[in-house]
N, C-alpha and C. Protein backbone atom coordinates (compact mmCIF):
# COMPACT_ATOMS: atom_id res chain seq x y z
N MET A 1 88.32 118.39 103.35
CA MET A 1 88.90 117.42 102.46
C MET A 1 89.81 116.48 103.25
N GLY A 2 89.96 115.28 102.74
CA GLY A 2 90.80 114.28 103.41
C GLY A 2 92.27 114.51 103.14
N ASN A 3 93.06 114.03 104.03
CA ASN A 3 94.51 114.10 103.84
C ASN A 3 94.95 112.94 102.97
N THR A 4 95.58 113.27 101.86
CA THR A 4 96.13 112.24 100.99
C THR A 4 97.60 112.55 100.75
N ILE A 5 98.37 111.53 100.72
CA ILE A 5 99.79 111.68 100.44
C ILE A 5 100.02 111.24 99.01
N SER A 6 100.58 112.15 98.21
CA SER A 6 100.82 111.79 96.81
C SER A 6 102.15 111.04 96.71
N THR A 7 102.17 110.12 95.79
CA THR A 7 103.37 109.33 95.54
C THR A 7 104.45 110.23 94.95
N LYS A 8 105.67 110.05 95.42
CA LYS A 8 106.79 110.86 94.95
C LYS A 8 107.55 110.09 93.89
N TYR A 9 107.59 110.65 92.68
CA TYR A 9 108.29 110.02 91.56
C TYR A 9 109.56 110.81 91.25
N ILE A 10 110.58 110.09 90.78
CA ILE A 10 111.82 110.74 90.37
C ILE A 10 112.18 110.27 88.96
N ASN A 11 113.09 111.01 88.33
CA ASN A 11 113.52 110.62 86.98
C ASN A 11 114.97 110.11 87.02
N PHE A 12 115.50 109.83 85.85
CA PHE A 12 116.84 109.24 85.77
C PHE A 12 117.92 110.17 86.32
N GLU A 13 117.73 111.48 86.20
CA GLU A 13 118.72 112.42 86.73
C GLU A 13 118.79 112.34 88.26
N ASP A 14 117.64 112.15 88.87
CA ASP A 14 117.61 111.97 90.32
C ASP A 14 118.33 110.68 90.72
N MET A 15 118.16 109.64 89.91
CA MET A 15 118.84 108.38 90.19
C MET A 15 120.35 108.54 90.04
N GLN A 16 120.78 109.28 89.03
CA GLN A 16 122.21 109.54 88.86
C GLN A 16 122.77 110.26 90.09
N TYR A 17 122.01 111.20 90.60
CA TYR A 17 122.42 111.93 91.80
C TYR A 17 122.49 110.98 93.00
N ALA A 18 121.49 110.13 93.13
CA ALA A 18 121.41 109.20 94.28
C ALA A 18 122.59 108.24 94.31
N ILE A 19 123.06 107.83 93.15
CA ILE A 19 124.18 106.87 93.08
C ILE A 19 125.41 107.41 93.79
N GLY A 20 125.68 108.67 93.64
CA GLY A 20 126.88 109.25 94.25
C GLY A 20 126.64 109.91 95.59
N ASN A 21 125.47 109.77 96.16
CA ASN A 21 125.12 110.47 97.39
C ASN A 21 125.03 109.49 98.56
N LYS A 22 125.84 109.69 99.58
CA LYS A 22 125.86 108.79 100.74
C LYS A 22 124.61 108.92 101.60
N GLU A 23 123.84 109.97 101.41
CA GLU A 23 122.61 110.19 102.18
C GLU A 23 121.41 109.54 101.49
N HIS A 24 121.68 108.67 100.56
CA HIS A 24 120.62 108.09 99.73
C HIS A 24 120.76 106.57 99.68
N ILE A 25 119.64 105.88 99.73
CA ILE A 25 119.61 104.42 99.60
C ILE A 25 118.85 104.09 98.32
N ILE A 26 119.36 103.15 97.56
CA ILE A 26 118.67 102.67 96.35
C ILE A 26 118.32 101.21 96.56
N ILE A 27 117.04 100.88 96.40
CA ILE A 27 116.61 99.49 96.51
C ILE A 27 115.80 99.11 95.28
N ASN A 28 115.72 97.82 95.02
CA ASN A 28 114.96 97.34 93.87
C ASN A 28 113.95 96.29 94.31
N THR A 29 113.01 96.01 93.42
CA THR A 29 111.99 95.00 93.70
C THR A 29 112.07 93.84 92.73
N LEU A 30 113.20 93.69 92.07
CA LEU A 30 113.36 92.57 91.14
C LEU A 30 113.42 91.25 91.91
N GLN A 31 113.03 90.19 91.23
CA GLN A 31 113.09 88.87 91.85
C GLN A 31 114.55 88.48 92.08
N GLU A 32 114.75 87.54 92.98
CA GLU A 32 116.11 87.12 93.34
C GLU A 32 116.90 86.65 92.12
N LYS A 33 116.25 85.98 91.19
CA LYS A 33 116.92 85.47 89.99
C LYS A 33 117.36 86.58 89.04
N ASP A 34 116.83 87.79 89.23
CA ASP A 34 117.14 88.92 88.36
C ASP A 34 118.07 89.94 89.00
N GLN A 35 118.82 89.56 90.02
CA GLN A 35 119.65 90.50 90.77
C GLN A 35 121.07 90.68 90.21
N ALA A 36 121.40 90.01 89.11
CA ALA A 36 122.77 90.09 88.58
C ALA A 36 123.10 91.48 88.05
N CYS A 37 122.22 92.06 87.26
CA CYS A 37 122.45 93.39 86.70
C CYS A 37 121.51 94.37 87.40
N LEU A 38 122.08 95.31 88.13
CA LEU A 38 121.30 96.30 88.86
C LEU A 38 121.87 97.69 88.60
N ILE A 39 121.10 98.70 88.88
CA ILE A 39 121.60 100.07 88.82
C ILE A 39 122.69 100.20 89.88
N ALA A 40 123.80 100.81 89.51
CA ALA A 40 124.93 100.98 90.44
C ALA A 40 124.45 101.62 91.74
N GLY A 41 125.01 101.15 92.84
CA GLY A 41 124.65 101.71 94.14
C GLY A 41 123.45 101.06 94.80
N THR A 42 122.81 100.13 94.11
CA THR A 42 121.65 99.44 94.68
C THR A 42 122.10 98.56 95.84
N LEU A 43 121.33 98.61 96.93
CA LEU A 43 121.63 97.74 98.07
C LEU A 43 121.54 96.29 97.65
N ASP A 44 122.43 95.49 98.18
CA ASP A 44 122.37 94.04 97.97
C ASP A 44 121.11 93.53 98.65
N MET A 45 120.35 92.73 97.94
CA MET A 45 119.09 92.20 98.45
C MET A 45 119.28 91.48 99.80
N LYS A 46 120.41 90.85 99.98
CA LYS A 46 120.68 90.10 101.21
C LYS A 46 120.86 91.01 102.43
N ASN A 47 121.31 92.24 102.20
CA ASN A 47 121.56 93.19 103.29
C ASN A 47 120.46 94.22 103.47
N GLU A 48 119.50 94.24 102.57
CA GLU A 48 118.49 95.30 102.56
C GLU A 48 117.75 95.41 103.89
N GLU A 49 117.24 94.31 104.40
CA GLU A 49 116.45 94.35 105.63
C GLU A 49 117.27 94.87 106.81
N GLU A 50 118.49 94.38 106.94
CA GLU A 50 119.36 94.81 108.04
C GLU A 50 119.66 96.31 107.96
N ILE A 51 119.97 96.79 106.76
CA ILE A 51 120.31 98.20 106.59
C ILE A 51 119.09 99.08 106.84
N LEU A 52 117.93 98.67 106.33
CA LEU A 52 116.72 99.45 106.58
C LEU A 52 116.37 99.48 108.07
N ASN A 53 116.55 98.37 108.76
CA ASN A 53 116.30 98.34 110.21
C ASN A 53 117.23 99.29 110.95
N THR A 54 118.48 99.39 110.50
CA THR A 54 119.42 100.33 111.10
C THR A 54 118.93 101.76 110.91
N TYR A 55 118.48 102.08 109.71
CA TYR A 55 117.97 103.43 109.45
C TYR A 55 116.66 103.69 110.19
N LEU A 56 115.85 102.68 110.41
CA LEU A 56 114.62 102.85 111.19
C LEU A 56 114.94 103.36 112.59
N LYS A 57 116.05 102.90 113.14
CA LYS A 57 116.45 103.30 114.49
C LYS A 57 117.20 104.63 114.51
N SER A 58 117.90 104.95 113.42
CA SER A 58 118.79 106.10 113.45
C SER A 58 118.36 107.29 112.59
N ASN A 59 117.72 107.04 111.45
CA ASN A 59 117.41 108.15 110.54
C ASN A 59 116.27 107.77 109.59
N ARG A 60 115.05 108.00 110.02
CA ARG A 60 113.88 107.68 109.18
C ARG A 60 113.70 108.69 108.04
N ASN A 61 114.50 109.75 108.04
CA ASN A 61 114.42 110.75 106.98
C ASN A 61 115.39 110.48 105.83
N VAL A 62 116.09 109.36 105.87
CA VAL A 62 117.01 109.01 104.79
C VAL A 62 116.23 108.94 103.47
N ASN A 63 116.85 109.38 102.40
CA ASN A 63 116.22 109.30 101.08
C ASN A 63 116.32 107.87 100.55
N ILE A 64 115.19 107.32 100.15
CA ILE A 64 115.14 105.96 99.62
C ILE A 64 114.51 105.99 98.24
N SER A 65 115.24 105.52 97.24
CA SER A 65 114.70 105.41 95.88
C SER A 65 114.46 103.94 95.58
N ILE A 66 113.29 103.67 94.99
CA ILE A 66 112.89 102.30 94.65
C ILE A 66 112.73 102.21 93.15
N TYR A 67 113.21 101.12 92.57
CA TYR A 67 112.93 100.85 91.16
C TYR A 67 112.64 99.37 90.98
N GLY A 68 111.98 99.08 89.87
CA GLY A 68 111.64 97.70 89.55
C GLY A 68 112.16 97.35 88.16
N MET A 69 111.49 96.40 87.54
CA MET A 69 111.90 95.89 86.23
C MET A 69 111.69 96.95 85.14
N ASN A 70 110.50 97.55 85.12
CA ASN A 70 110.12 98.51 84.08
C ASN A 70 108.95 99.34 84.57
N SER A 71 108.40 100.18 83.71
CA SER A 71 107.31 101.08 84.12
C SER A 71 106.01 100.36 84.44
N GLN A 72 105.88 99.10 84.07
CA GLN A 72 104.68 98.33 84.39
C GLN A 72 104.82 97.52 85.68
N ASP A 73 105.95 97.58 86.30
CA ASP A 73 106.22 96.79 87.50
C ASP A 73 105.51 97.41 88.71
N LEU A 74 104.45 96.78 89.16
CA LEU A 74 103.66 97.31 90.26
C LEU A 74 104.24 96.99 91.64
N THR A 75 105.26 96.15 91.69
CA THR A 75 105.86 95.80 92.98
C THR A 75 106.50 97.01 93.65
N ILE A 76 106.88 98.01 92.87
CA ILE A 76 107.48 99.20 93.46
C ILE A 76 106.49 99.95 94.33
N HIS A 77 105.22 99.93 93.95
CA HIS A 77 104.19 100.62 94.74
C HIS A 77 103.94 99.91 96.06
N LYS A 78 103.98 98.60 96.04
CA LYS A 78 103.82 97.83 97.28
C LYS A 78 104.98 98.12 98.23
N LYS A 79 106.20 98.13 97.71
CA LYS A 79 107.38 98.43 98.52
C LYS A 79 107.32 99.87 99.04
N TYR A 80 106.87 100.79 98.21
CA TYR A 80 106.72 102.19 98.59
C TYR A 80 105.80 102.31 99.80
N GLU A 81 104.63 101.70 99.71
CA GLU A 81 103.65 101.74 100.81
C GLU A 81 104.21 101.07 102.06
N GLN A 82 104.93 99.98 101.89
CA GLN A 82 105.52 99.27 103.02
C GLN A 82 106.52 100.16 103.76
N LEU A 83 107.37 100.86 103.02
CA LEU A 83 108.37 101.72 103.64
C LEU A 83 107.73 102.92 104.34
N LEU A 84 106.69 103.49 103.73
CA LEU A 84 105.97 104.58 104.39
C LEU A 84 105.33 104.10 105.69
N ALA A 85 104.73 102.92 105.66
CA ALA A 85 104.08 102.36 106.85
C ALA A 85 105.09 102.10 107.97
N LEU A 86 106.34 101.79 107.61
CA LEU A 86 107.38 101.58 108.61
C LEU A 86 107.82 102.88 109.27
N GLY A 87 107.53 104.01 108.61
CA GLY A 87 107.89 105.30 109.18
C GLY A 87 108.89 106.10 108.39
N PHE A 88 109.35 105.58 107.25
CA PHE A 88 110.24 106.36 106.40
C PHE A 88 109.43 107.45 105.70
N SER A 89 109.98 108.65 105.59
CA SER A 89 109.22 109.75 105.02
C SER A 89 109.70 110.20 103.64
N ASN A 90 110.95 109.94 103.31
CA ASN A 90 111.51 110.38 102.03
C ASN A 90 111.72 109.19 101.10
N VAL A 91 110.61 108.66 100.61
CA VAL A 91 110.63 107.49 99.74
C VAL A 91 110.21 107.94 98.34
N PHE A 92 110.95 107.50 97.33
CA PHE A 92 110.72 107.94 95.96
C PHE A 92 110.69 106.73 95.03
N ILE A 93 109.93 106.86 93.94
CA ILE A 93 109.82 105.80 92.94
C ILE A 93 110.46 106.25 91.64
N TYR A 94 111.39 105.44 91.14
CA TYR A 94 111.92 105.63 89.79
C TYR A 94 111.12 104.69 88.90
N ASN A 95 110.12 105.25 88.24
CA ASN A 95 109.14 104.46 87.50
C ASN A 95 109.72 103.80 86.25
N GLY A 96 110.74 104.36 85.65
CA GLY A 96 111.32 103.79 84.43
C GLY A 96 111.95 102.43 84.65
N GLY A 97 112.43 102.21 85.84
CA GLY A 97 113.00 100.92 86.20
C GLY A 97 114.30 100.60 85.47
N LEU A 98 114.70 99.36 85.64
CA LEU A 98 115.96 98.91 85.05
C LEU A 98 115.91 98.96 83.53
N PHE A 99 114.75 98.72 82.94
CA PHE A 99 114.63 98.75 81.48
C PHE A 99 114.98 100.13 80.93
N GLU A 100 114.39 101.18 81.47
CA GLU A 100 114.70 102.53 81.00
C GLU A 100 116.18 102.84 81.22
N TRP A 101 116.70 102.45 82.38
CA TRP A 101 118.11 102.71 82.70
C TRP A 101 119.04 102.06 81.68
N LEU A 102 118.74 100.81 81.33
CA LEU A 102 119.58 100.11 80.35
C LEU A 102 119.46 100.71 78.95
N LEU A 103 118.28 101.18 78.59
CA LEU A 103 118.12 101.86 77.31
C LEU A 103 118.96 103.14 77.27
N LEU A 104 118.90 103.91 78.35
CA LEU A 104 119.70 105.13 78.44
C LEU A 104 121.20 104.80 78.42
N GLN A 105 121.57 103.73 79.08
CA GLN A 105 122.97 103.28 79.07
C GLN A 105 123.42 102.95 77.66
N ASP A 106 122.55 102.30 76.90
CA ASP A 106 122.87 101.92 75.53
C ASP A 106 123.09 103.15 74.64
N ILE A 107 122.33 104.20 74.89
CA ILE A 107 122.43 105.42 74.08
C ILE A 107 123.54 106.34 74.57
N TYR A 108 123.59 106.58 75.88
CA TYR A 108 124.48 107.60 76.43
C TYR A 108 125.74 107.08 77.12
N GLY A 109 125.85 105.78 77.24
CA GLY A 109 127.09 105.21 77.76
C GLY A 109 127.04 104.73 79.20
N LYS A 110 127.92 103.78 79.47
CA LYS A 110 127.99 103.15 80.80
C LYS A 110 128.48 104.12 81.87
N GLU A 111 129.24 105.13 81.49
CA GLU A 111 129.76 106.09 82.47
C GLU A 111 128.62 106.91 83.08
N ASN A 112 127.60 107.19 82.28
CA ASN A 112 126.47 108.01 82.74
C ASN A 112 125.34 107.18 83.36
N PHE A 113 125.27 105.91 83.01
CA PHE A 113 124.20 105.03 83.49
C PHE A 113 124.82 103.71 83.93
N MET A 114 125.49 103.77 85.06
CA MET A 114 126.27 102.63 85.55
C MET A 114 125.37 101.51 86.08
N THR A 115 125.83 100.29 85.85
CA THR A 115 125.16 99.10 86.38
C THR A 115 126.22 98.20 87.04
N THR A 116 125.73 97.23 87.79
CA THR A 116 126.65 96.33 88.50
C THR A 116 127.34 95.37 87.56
N LYS A 117 126.73 95.10 86.40
CA LYS A 117 127.37 94.26 85.38
C LYS A 117 126.74 94.57 84.03
N PRO A 118 127.45 94.31 82.95
CA PRO A 118 126.87 94.56 81.62
C PRO A 118 125.69 93.63 81.35
N GLU A 119 124.74 94.14 80.59
CA GLU A 119 123.58 93.33 80.18
C GLU A 119 123.39 93.49 78.69
N ARG A 120 123.45 92.39 77.97
CA ARG A 120 123.31 92.44 76.51
C ARG A 120 121.86 92.34 76.07
N ASP A 121 121.04 91.63 76.82
CA ASP A 121 119.64 91.41 76.43
C ASP A 121 118.72 92.39 77.16
N ILE A 122 118.71 93.63 76.71
CA ILE A 122 117.92 94.67 77.35
C ILE A 122 116.42 94.36 77.30
N LEU A 123 115.97 93.76 76.21
CA LEU A 123 114.54 93.52 76.03
C LEU A 123 113.95 92.53 77.04
N LYS A 124 114.77 91.78 77.73
CA LYS A 124 114.21 90.86 78.72
C LYS A 124 113.63 91.63 79.91
N TYR A 125 113.91 92.93 80.00
CA TYR A 125 113.39 93.77 81.07
C TYR A 125 112.18 94.61 80.64
N LYS A 126 111.77 94.48 79.39
CA LYS A 126 110.66 95.31 78.90
C LYS A 126 109.34 94.89 79.52
N GLY A 127 108.37 95.79 79.44
CA GLY A 127 107.04 95.48 79.94
C GLY A 127 106.27 94.58 78.99
N ARG A 128 105.12 94.14 79.46
CA ARG A 128 104.27 93.25 78.69
C ARG A 128 103.50 94.03 77.62
N GLN A 129 103.44 93.50 76.43
CA GLN A 129 102.71 94.11 75.33
C GLN A 129 101.21 93.85 75.51
N HIS A 130 100.39 94.86 75.20
CA HIS A 130 98.94 94.72 75.33
C HIS A 130 98.21 94.78 73.99
N PHE A 131 98.75 95.49 73.03
CA PHE A 131 98.11 95.65 71.73
C PHE A 131 98.84 94.83 70.68
N ASN A 132 98.15 94.55 69.59
CA ASN A 132 98.72 93.85 68.45
C ASN A 132 99.30 92.49 68.83
N ILE A 133 98.58 91.79 69.68
CA ILE A 133 98.99 90.45 70.09
C ILE A 133 98.33 89.45 69.16
N ARG A 134 99.14 88.59 68.59
CA ARG A 134 98.61 87.58 67.67
C ARG A 134 98.42 86.27 68.42
N PHE A 135 97.28 85.68 68.20
CA PHE A 135 96.97 84.39 68.82
C PHE A 135 97.11 83.29 67.79
N LEU A 136 97.42 82.09 68.25
CA LEU A 136 97.51 80.95 67.34
C LEU A 136 96.13 80.64 66.78
N ALA A 137 96.08 80.34 65.48
CA ALA A 137 94.79 80.04 64.84
C ALA A 137 94.46 78.57 64.94
């Protein structure tokens, strides 16, 4: 049989742990215009490349968690593959993304689901609807 590497997924509890852990890096794949509200502890997009290059030289076993906009955001898989190809071995995907995080924040509080700034319009992070779409007649 061929060697296949399965994608490593994590849940919100793992993300909560990562926020307070210095041995962990959190990165996102949101567009530059969407960087205002992020999960707490997320690397600044401007410093991401420099910090990852530092870890490439010093510690390729660092834990890296990636998240995107929502569970339909495929950019996280591209980033995941890119980081593995660079030589990082402990790369994880938080599939729920910022949308799930903000929903949990709304229910369980900002103390448990910290972000870099408050966001009132949670639905702007939701995925695209596929069913029950009405077209103009």
